[in-house]
Amino acid sequence: MADIPNRPEYQSDLFKRGLEVRKQVLGAGYVEQSLEKADDFFAAFQQLTTEVPWGLIWTRPGLARRDRSLIVLAMLVALGKPAELKLHVKGALANGVTREEIKEVLLQGCIYAGVPAGLEAFKAAMETFKEIDAPKT
């Protein structure tokens, strides 16, 4: 954990367990930057999101990570959260979900969450794919 600030909020075993999974799914660079940018006020939020979803839920044995990713994508479509969806599209790909499977989740989201929510999700996913596919310079 040398890559993140030495804050009291970031010291628990649950945080460390969640941090490992969070980095594996969302990418170490993204996670470390989020933690580094957190000031004294926002560090508590980083602690909460690292310990609870990533430390308590994503580490449970009941579902595979790829299944959790599919569920999160569906929920983000339903909630209309395209910015967060973009992040989790990358995470889903890292967890072995295919673009075809992502498309199917988004299509199903159109039906159950509504076409406007599905449209925003498709736009977010296409932007993410474009970023991933762009030549690296």
Protein backbone atom coordinates (compact mmCIF):
# COMPACT_ATOMS: atom_id res chain seq x y z
CA MET A 1 0.00 0.00 0.00
CA ALA A 2 2.92 2.35 -0.55
CA ASP A 3 1.10 3.97 -3.49
CA ILE A 4 -1.62 5.59 -1.40
CA PRO A 5 -1.53 8.23 1.33
CA ASN A 6 -0.93 7.08 4.88
CA ARG A 7 -4.30 8.14 6.33
CA PRO A 8 -6.02 6.62 9.36
CA GLU A 9 -9.07 5.90 7.15
CA TYR A 10 -6.96 3.63 4.94
CA GLN A 11 -5.51 1.31 7.59
CA SER A 12 -8.10 -1.35 8.42
CA ASP A 13 -7.78 -4.93 7.20
CA LEU A 14 -11.19 -4.55 5.53
CA PHE A 15 -9.93 -1.50 3.64
CA LYS A 16 -6.80 -3.37 2.51
CA ARG A 17 -8.87 -6.36 1.36
CA GLY A 18 -11.27 -4.09 -0.50
CA LEU A 19 -8.43 -2.07 -1.99
CA GLU A 20 -6.92 -5.17 -3.56
CA VAL A 21 -10.18 -6.10 -5.30
CA ARG A 22 -10.98 -2.51 -6.25
CA LYS A 23 -7.59 -2.15 -7.95
CA GLN A 24 -7.96 -5.46 -9.78
CA VAL A 25 -11.39 -4.54 -11.15
CA LEU A 26 -11.11 -0.78 -11.76
CA GLY A 27 -7.38 -0.51 -12.36
CA ALA A 28 -4.65 0.42 -9.89
CA GLY A 29 -3.96 3.81 -11.49
CA TYR A 30 -7.56 4.96 -11.25
CA VAL A 31 -7.97 3.78 -7.66
CA GLU A 32 -4.65 5.19 -6.44
CA GLN A 33 -5.41 8.55 -8.06
CA SER A 34 -8.84 8.62 -6.37
CA LEU A 35 -7.27 7.96 -2.98
CA GLU A 36 -4.46 10.47 -3.50
CA LYS A 37 -6.91 13.23 -4.48
CA ALA A 38 -9.06 12.70 -1.39
CA ASP A 39 -8.68 15.48 1.16
CA ASP A 40 -9.49 15.23 4.87
CA PHE A 41 -13.20 15.61 4.10
CA PHE A 42 -13.43 13.12 1.20
CA ALA A 43 -11.17 10.41 2.69
CA ALA A 44 -14.12 9.10 4.72
CA PHE A 45 -16.05 8.51 1.49
CA GLN A 46 -13.07 6.65 0.00
CA GLN A 47 -12.94 4.52 3.13
CA LEU A 48 -16.64 3.71 2.89
CA THR A 49 -16.54 2.79 -0.80
CA THR A 50 -13.42 0.68 -0.42
CA GLU A 51 -14.47 -1.18 2.71
CA VAL A 52 -18.15 -1.85 2.09
CA PRO A 53 -18.73 -2.62 -1.61
CA TRP A 54 -15.21 -3.85 -2.36
CA GLY A 55 -14.16 -5.29 1.03
CA LEU A 56 -17.46 -6.78 2.18
CA ILE A 57 -19.46 -7.49 -0.97
CA TRP A 58 -17.03 -8.09 -3.86
CA THR A 59 -14.98 -10.49 -1.70
CA ARG A 60 -17.94 -12.73 -0.84
CA PRO A 61 -17.77 -16.22 -2.35
CA GLY A 62 -21.42 -16.40 -3.49
CA LEU A 63 -20.91 -14.86 -6.95
CA ALA A 64 -18.03 -14.71 -9.39
CA ARG A 65 -16.60 -11.28 -10.17
CA ARG A 66 -17.86 -11.40 -13.75
CA ASP A 67 -21.39 -12.00 -12.43
CA ARG A 68 -21.06 -9.11 -10.00
CA SER A 69 -19.92 -6.94 -12.90
CA LEU A 70 -22.97 -7.87 -14.95
CA ILE A 71 -25.25 -7.03 -12.04
CA VAL A 72 -23.54 -3.69 -11.44
CA LEU A 73 -23.88 -2.77 -15.11
CA ALA A 74 -27.60 -3.52 -15.02
CA MET A 75 -28.06 -1.47 -11.86
CA LEU A 76 -26.15 1.49 -13.28
CA VAL A 77 -28.34 1.42 -16.39
CA ALA A 78 -31.44 1.42 -14.20
CA LEU A 79 -30.10 4.25 -12.07
CA GLY A 80 -29.10 6.30 -15.10
CA LYS A 81 -25.46 6.68 -14.05
CA PRO A 82 -23.48 6.76 -17.32
CA ALA A 83 -20.24 8.14 -15.82
CA GLU A 84 -20.07 5.32 -13.29
CA LEU A 85 -21.19 2.86 -15.97
CA LYS A 86 -18.14 3.77 -18.08
CA LEU A 87 -15.87 2.86 -15.19
CA HIS A 88 -17.66 -0.43 -14.64
CA VAL A 89 -17.63 -1.33 -18.34
CA LYS A 90 -13.83 -1.33 -18.04
CA GLY A 91 -14.10 -3.36 -14.85
CA ALA A 92 -16.46 -5.84 -16.48
CA LEU A 93 -14.03 -6.36 -19.35
CA ALA A 94 -11.26 -6.92 -16.80
CA ASN A 95 -13.49 -9.53 -15.14
CA GLY A 96 -13.95 -11.48 -18.37
CA VAL A 97 -17.28 -10.06 -19.55
CA THR A 98 -17.39 -9.74 -23.32
CA ARG A 99 -18.59 -6.74 -25.30
CA GLU A 100 -21.42 -8.90 -26.62
CA GLU A 101 -22.51 -9.69 -23.06
CA ILE A 102 -22.31 -6.00 -22.13
CA LYS A 103 -24.51 -5.20 -25.13
CA GLU A 104 -27.07 -7.77 -23.99
CA VAL A 105 -27.16 -6.32 -20.47
CA LEU A 106 -27.69 -2.83 -21.89
CA LEU A 107 -30.47 -4.06 -24.19
CA GLN A 108 -32.21 -5.73 -21.28
CA GLY A 109 -31.75 -2.51 -19.34
CA CYS A 110 -33.61 -0.65 -22.10
CA ILE A 111 -36.62 -2.82 -21.46
CA TYR A 112 -36.68 -2.75 -17.67
CA ALA A 113 -35.23 0.72 -16.99
CA GLY A 114 -36.49 2.49 -20.10
CA VAL A 115 -35.09 3.39 -23.48
CA PRO A 116 -33.67 6.79 -22.37
CA ALA A 117 -31.65 5.10 -19.63
CA GLY A 118 -30.54 2.42 -22.09
CA LEU A 119 -29.52 5.06 -24.63
CA GLU A 120 -27.32 6.81 -22.08
CA ALA A 121 -25.79 3.46 -21.14
CA PHE A 122 -25.05 2.59 -24.78
CA LYS A 123 -23.44 5.99 -25.32
CA ALA A 124 -21.29 5.53 -22.22
CA ALA A 125 -20.24 2.02 -23.24
CA MET A 126 -19.38 3.12 -26.80
CA GLU A 127 -17.26 5.99 -25.45
CA THR A 128 -15.46 3.54 -23.19
CA PHE A 129 -14.83 1.08 -26.04
CA LYS A 130 -13.51 3.95 -28.17
CA GLU A 131 -11.09 4.95 -25.38
CA ILE A 132 -9.93 1.36 -24.95
CA ASP A 133 -9.50 0.83 -28.69
CA ALA A 134 -7.68 4.13 -29.34
CA PRO A 135 -4.04 3.73 -30.34
CA LYS A 136 -1.74 4.21 -27.37
CA THR A 137 0.82 6.96 -27.90
